[in-house]
Amino acid sequence: MSECVITPDGVPSYSVSIMEFANGYVVHETQYFANSFGAPEWRTALAEPMPGRDIARA
């Protein structure tokens, strides 16, 4: 599993990849992409900012 921020068009987009390996090869991969969004007020105490970023409020 990996997570990263990509900027193909100059705008940060968040990506998570889940890979399944067998015999040293990737046999299956699922990727999820999402735009940045703020945490609701009730959840900001549980949220952790990514390095170099502040937590936006929804």
PDB file of N, CA and C in Angstrom:
ATOM      1  N   MET A   1       0.847  -1.153   0.000  1.00  0.00           N
ATOM      2  CA  MET A   1       0.000   0.000   0.000  1.00  0.00           C
ATOM      3  C   MET A   1       0.895   1.218   0.000  1.00  0.00           C
ATOM      4  N   SER A   2       0.500   2.219  -0.773  1.00  0.00           N
ATOM      5  CA  SER A   2       1.228   3.484  -0.774  1.00  0.00           C
ATOM      6  C   SER A   2       0.238   4.628  -0.868  1.00  0.00           C
ATOM      7  N   GLU A   3       0.646   5.773  -0.342  1.00  0.00           N
ATOM      8  CA  GLU A   3      -0.166   6.966  -0.498  1.00  0.00           C
ATOM      9  C   GLU A   3       0.773   8.112  -0.844  1.00  0.00           C
ATOM     10  N   CYS A   4       0.314   8.986  -1.713  1.00  0.00           N
ATOM     11  CA  CYS A   4       1.150  10.104  -2.128  1.00  0.00           C
ATOM     12  C   CYS A   4       0.291  11.244  -2.657  1.00  0.00           C
ATOM     13  N   VAL A   5       0.942  12.384  -2.838  1.00  0.00           N
ATOM     14  CA  VAL A   5       0.299  13.538  -3.454  1.00  0.00           C
ATOM     15  C   VAL A   5       0.931  13.704  -4.830  1.00  0.00           C
ATOM     16  N   ILE A   6       0.105  13.747  -5.864  1.00  0.00           N
ATOM     17  CA  ILE A   6       0.598  13.943  -7.218  1.00  0.00           C
ATOM     18  C   ILE A   6       0.082  15.284  -7.741  1.00  0.00           C
ATOM     19  N   THR A   7       0.832  15.892  -8.653  1.00  0.00           N
ATOM     20  CA  THR A   7       0.422  17.188  -9.211  1.00  0.00           C
ATOM     21  C   THR A   7       0.577  17.173 -10.730  1.00  0.00           C
ATOM     22  N   PRO A   8      -0.186  16.338 -11.432  1.00  0.00           N
ATOM     23  CA  PRO A   8      -0.023  16.253 -12.887  1.00  0.00           C
ATOM     24  C   PRO A   8      -0.405  17.544 -13.610  1.00  0.00           C
ATOM     25  N   ASP A   9      -1.329  18.307 -13.076  1.00  0.00           N
ATOM     26  CA  ASP A   9      -1.753  19.555 -13.716  1.00  0.00           C
ATOM     27  C   ASP A   9      -1.441  20.762 -12.833  1.00  0.00           C
ATOM     28  N   GLY A  10      -0.539  20.598 -11.876  1.00  0.00           N
ATOM     29  CA  GLY A  10      -0.168  21.676 -10.981  1.00  0.00           C
ATOM     30  C   GLY A  10      -1.048  21.789  -9.755  1.00  0.00           C
ATOM     31  N   VAL A  11      -2.132  21.031  -9.687  1.00  0.00           N
ATOM     32  CA  VAL A  11      -3.047  21.043  -8.545  1.00  0.00           C
ATOM     33  C   VAL A  11      -2.855  19.734  -7.768  1.00  0.00           C
ATOM     34  N   PRO A  12      -2.584  19.803  -6.446  1.00  0.00           N
ATOM     35  CA  PRO A  12      -2.370  18.569  -5.689  1.00  0.00           C
ATOM     36  C   PRO A  12      -3.592  17.647  -5.714  1.00  0.00           C
ATOM     37  N   SER A  13      -3.345  16.374  -5.949  1.00  0.00           N
ATOM     38  CA  SER A  13      -4.371  15.351  -5.914  1.00  0.00           C
ATOM     39  C   SER A  13      -3.807  14.191  -5.098  1.00  0.00           C
ATOM     40  N   TYR A  14      -4.628  13.596  -4.277  1.00  0.00           N
ATOM     41  CA  TYR A  14      -4.177  12.542  -3.381  1.00  0.00           C
ATOM     42  C   TYR A  14      -4.433  11.179  -4.002  1.00  0.00           C
ATOM     43  N   SER A  15      -3.466  10.278  -3.835  1.00  0.00           N
ATOM     44  CA  SER A  15      -3.549   8.962  -4.450  1.00  0.00           C
ATOM     45  C   SER A  15      -3.187   7.888  -3.425  1.00  0.00           C
ATOM     46  N   VAL A  16      -3.944   6.791  -3.442  1.00  0.00           N
ATOM     47  CA  VAL A  16      -3.644   5.610  -2.637  1.00  0.00           C
ATOM     48  C   VAL A  16      -3.623   4.426  -3.585  1.00  0.00           C
ATOM     49  N   SER A  17      -2.575   3.624  -3.513  1.00  0.00           N
ATOM     50  CA  SER A  17      -2.464   2.415  -4.325  1.00  0.00           C
ATOM     51  C   SER A  17      -2.369   1.208  -3.410  1.00  0.00           C
ATOM     52  N   ILE A  18      -3.131   0.180  -3.722  1.00  0.00           N
ATOM     53  CA  ILE A  18      -3.078  -1.083  -2.991  1.00  0.00           C
ATOM     54  C   ILE A  18      -2.640  -2.139  -3.992  1.00  0.00           C
ATOM     55  N   MET A  19      -1.499  -2.777  -3.711  1.00  0.00           N
ATOM     56  CA  MET A  19      -0.926  -3.752  -4.641  1.00  0.00           C
ATOM     57  C   MET A  19      -0.867  -5.133  -4.012  1.00  0.00           C
ATOM     58  N   GLU A  20      -1.115  -6.124  -4.841  1.00  0.00           N
ATOM     59  CA  GLU A  20      -0.987  -7.513  -4.419  1.00  0.00           C
ATOM     60  C   GLU A  20       0.201  -8.109  -5.170  1.00  0.00           C
ATOM     61  N   PHE A  21       1.104  -8.744  -4.433  1.00  0.00           N
ATOM     62  CA  PHE A  21       2.308  -9.326  -5.024  1.00  0.00           C
ATOM     63  C   PHE A  21       2.250 -10.846  -4.965  1.00  0.00           C
ATOM     64  N   ALA A  22       2.827 -11.486  -5.959  1.00  0.00           N
ATOM     65  CA  ALA A  22       2.993 -12.943  -5.965  1.00  0.00           C
ATOM     66  C   ALA A  22       4.274 -13.262  -6.728  1.00  0.00           C
ATOM     67  N   ASN A  23       5.135 -14.033  -6.128  1.00  0.00           N
ATOM     68  CA  ASN A  23       6.393 -14.437  -6.758  1.00  0.00           C
ATOM     69  C   ASN A  23       7.221 -13.246  -7.233  1.00  0.00           C
ATOM     70  N   GLY A  24       7.199 -12.156  -6.452  1.00  0.00           N
ATOM     71  CA  GLY A  24       8.008 -10.992  -6.784  1.00  0.00           C
ATOM     72  C   GLY A  24       7.419 -10.073  -7.836  1.00  0.00           C
ATOM     73  N   TYR A  25       6.188 -10.320  -8.265  1.00  0.00           N
ATOM     74  CA  TYR A  25       5.535  -9.499  -9.287  1.00  0.00           C
ATOM     75  C   TYR A  25       4.240  -8.906  -8.745  1.00  0.00           C
ATOM     76  N   VAL A  26       3.885  -7.738  -9.264  1.00  0.00           N
ATOM     77  CA  VAL A  26       2.579  -7.160  -8.946  1.00  0.00           C
ATOM     78  C   VAL A  26       1.549  -7.907  -9.781  1.00  0.00           C
ATOM     79  N   VAL A  27       0.579  -8.535  -9.123  1.00  0.00           N
ATOM     80  CA  VAL A  27      -0.443  -9.286  -9.854  1.00  0.00           C
ATOM     81  C   VAL A  27      -1.788  -8.558  -9.874  1.00  0.00           C
ATOM     82  N   HIS A  28      -1.936  -7.555  -9.001  1.00  0.00           N
ATOM     83  CA  HIS A  28      -3.175  -6.774  -8.985  1.00  0.00           C
ATOM     84  C   HIS A  28      -2.889  -5.439  -8.318  1.00  0.00           C
ATOM     85  N   GLU A  29      -3.455  -4.368  -8.859  1.00  0.00           N
ATOM     86  CA  GLU A  29      -3.294  -3.044  -8.259  1.00  0.00           C
ATOM     87  C   GLU A  29      -4.603  -2.284  -8.366  1.00  0.00           C
ATOM     88  N   THR A  30      -4.994  -1.643  -7.271  1.00  0.00           N
ATOM     89  CA  THR A  30      -6.171  -0.772  -7.257  1.00  0.00           C
ATOM     90  C   THR A  30      -5.703   0.603  -6.827  1.00  0.00           C
ATOM     91  N   GLN A  31      -6.107   1.639  -7.563  1.00  0.00           N
ATOM     92  CA  GLN A  31      -5.713   3.004  -7.236  1.00  0.00           C
ATOM     93  C   GLN A  31      -6.950   3.844  -6.957  1.00  0.00           C
ATOM     94  N   TYR A  32      -6.826   4.705  -5.964  1.00  0.00           N
ATOM     95  CA  TYR A  32      -7.893   5.635  -5.611  1.00  0.00           C
ATOM     96  C   TYR A  32      -7.322   7.051  -5.681  1.00  0.00           C
ATOM     97  N   PHE A  33      -8.090   7.996  -6.224  1.00  0.00           N
ATOM     98  CA  PHE A  33      -7.662   9.383  -6.349  1.00  0.00           C
ATOM     99  C   PHE A  33      -8.735  10.285  -5.763  1.00  0.00           C
ATOM    100  N   ALA A  34      -8.309  11.373  -5.105  1.00  0.00           N
ATOM    101  CA  ALA A  34      -9.269  12.314  -4.529  1.00  0.00           C
ATOM    102  C   ALA A  34      -8.652  13.703  -4.467  1.00  0.00           C
ATOM    103  N   ASN A  35      -9.492  14.689  -4.608  1.00  0.00           N
ATOM    104  CA  ASN A  35      -9.065  16.064  -4.405  1.00  0.00           C
ATOM    105  C   ASN A  35      -9.029  16.352  -2.913  1.00  0.00           C
ATOM    106  N   SER A  36      -8.298  17.369  -2.539  1.00  0.00           N
ATOM    107  CA  SER A  36      -8.210  17.780  -1.149  1.00  0.00           C
ATOM    108  C   SER A  36      -9.569  18.278  -0.661  1.00  0.00           C
ATOM    109  N   PHE A  37      -9.893  17.995   0.598  1.00  0.00           N
ATOM    110  CA  PHE A  37     -11.120  18.511   1.193  1.00  0.00           C
ATOM    111  C   PHE A  37     -10.874  18.744   2.682  1.00  0.00           C
ATOM    112  N   GLY A  38     -11.588  19.696   3.234  1.00  0.00           N
ATOM    113  CA  GLY A  38     -11.416  20.041   4.640  1.00  0.00           C
ATOM    114  C   GLY A  38     -12.103  19.053   5.559  1.00  0.00           C
ATOM    115  N   ALA A  39     -11.581  18.976   6.782  1.00  0.00           N
ATOM    116  CA  ALA A  39     -12.196  18.112   7.792  1.00  0.00           C
ATOM    117  C   ALA A  39     -13.365  18.842   8.433  1.00  0.00           C
ATOM    118  N   PRO A  40     -14.494  18.149   8.690  1.00  0.00           N
ATOM    119  CA  PRO A  40     -15.598  18.782   9.410  1.00  0.00           C
ATOM    120  C   PRO A  40     -15.142  19.178  10.823  1.00  0.00           C
ATOM    121  N   GLU A  41     -15.785  20.147  11.381  1.00  0.00           N
ATOM    122  CA  GLU A  41     -15.406  20.670  12.708  1.00  0.00           C
ATOM    123  C   GLU A  41     -15.289  19.554  13.749  1.00  0.00           C
ATOM    124  N   TRP A  42     -16.230  18.600  13.744  1.00  0.00           N
ATOM    125  CA  TRP A  42     -16.223  17.540  14.759  1.00  0.00           C
ATOM    126  C   TRP A  42     -15.032  16.596  14.616  1.00  0.00           C
ATOM    127  N   ARG A  43     -14.365  16.612  13.454  1.00  0.00           N
ATOM    128  CA  ARG A  43     -13.286  15.663  13.211  1.00  0.00           C
ATOM    129  C   ARG A  43     -11.898  16.301  13.182  1.00  0.00           C
ATOM    130  N   THR A  44     -11.797  17.618  13.264  1.00  0.00           N
ATOM    131  CA  THR A  44     -10.489  18.259  13.149  1.00  0.00           C
ATOM    132  C   THR A  44      -9.527  17.830  14.252  1.00  0.00           C
ATOM    133  N   ALA A  45     -10.033  17.503  15.435  1.00  0.00           N
ATOM    134  CA  ALA A  45      -9.147  17.048  16.511  1.00  0.00           C
ATOM    135  C   ALA A  45      -8.521  15.689  16.184  1.00  0.00           C
ATOM    136  N   LEU A  46      -9.134  14.924  15.307  1.00  0.00           N
ATOM    137  CA  LEU A  46      -8.629  13.600  14.935  1.00  0.00           C
ATOM    138  C   LEU A  46      -7.757  13.638  13.683  1.00  0.00           C
ATOM    139  N   ALA A  47      -7.807  14.756  12.954  1.00  0.00           N
ATOM    140  CA  ALA A  47      -7.088  14.849  11.681  1.00  0.00           C
ATOM    141  C   ALA A  47      -5.629  15.224  11.908  1.00  0.00           C
ATOM    142  N   GLU A  48      -4.757  14.722  11.048  1.00  0.00           N
ATOM    143  CA  GLU A  48      -3.342  15.074  11.069  1.00  0.00           C
ATOM    144  C   GLU A  48      -2.995  15.700   9.728  1.00  0.00           C
ATOM    145  N   PRO A  49      -2.346  16.860   9.727  1.00  0.00           N
ATOM    146  CA  PRO A  49      -1.993  17.470   8.445  1.00  0.00           C
ATOM    147  C   PRO A  49      -0.865  16.710   7.766  1.00  0.00           C
ATOM    148  N   MET A  50      -0.873  16.725   6.448  1.00  0.00           N
ATOM    149  CA  MET A  50       0.251  16.177   5.710  1.00  0.00           C
ATOM    150  C   MET A  50       1.427  17.135   5.908  1.00  0.00           C
ATOM    151  N   PRO A  51       2.667  16.662   5.803  1.00  0.00           N
ATOM    152  CA  PRO A  51       3.823  17.539   6.014  1.00  0.00           C
ATOM    153  C   PRO A  51       3.744  18.790   5.144  1.00  0.00           C
ATOM    154  N   GLY A  52       3.965  19.935   5.757  1.00  0.00           N
ATOM    155  CA  GLY A  52       3.970  21.193   5.035  1.00  0.00           C
ATOM    156  C   GLY A  52       2.594  21.770   4.754  1.00  0.00           C
ATOM    157  N   ARG A  53       1.527  21.195   5.342  1.00  0.00           N
ATOM    158  CA  ARG A  53       0.173  21.678   5.079  1.00  0.00           C
ATOM    159  C   ARG A  53      -0.568  21.916   6.388  1.00  0.00           C
ATOM    160  N   ASP A  54      -1.562  22.786   6.329  1.00  0.00           N
ATOM    161  CA  ASP A  54      -2.464  23.009   7.456  1.00  0.00           C
ATOM    162  C   ASP A  54      -3.764  22.255   7.182  1.00  0.00           C
ATOM    163  N   ILE A  55      -4.511  21.971   8.242  1.00  0.00           N
ATOM    164  CA  ILE A  55      -5.803  21.305   8.071  1.00  0.00           C
ATOM    165  C   ILE A  55      -6.849  22.351   7.749  1.00  0.00           C
ATOM    166  N   ALA A  56      -7.477  22.202   6.594  1.00  0.00           N
ATOM    167  CA  ALA A  56      -8.552  23.119   6.206  1.00  0.00           C
ATOM    168  C   ALA A  56      -9.851  22.676   6.869  1.00  0.00           C
ATOM    169  N   ARG A  57     -10.664  23.604   7.215  1.00  0.00           N
ATOM    170  CA  ARG A  57     -11.975  23.285   7.779  1.00  0.00           C
ATOM    171  C   ARG A  57     -12.990  23.254   6.658  1.00  0.00           C
ATOM    172  N   ALA A  58     -13.921  22.330   6.756  1.00  0.00           N
ATOM    173  CA  ALA A  58     -14.960  22.184   5.722  1.00  0.00           C
ATOM    174  C   ALA A  58     -15.959  23.304   5.809  1.00  0.00           C
TER     175      ALA A  58
END
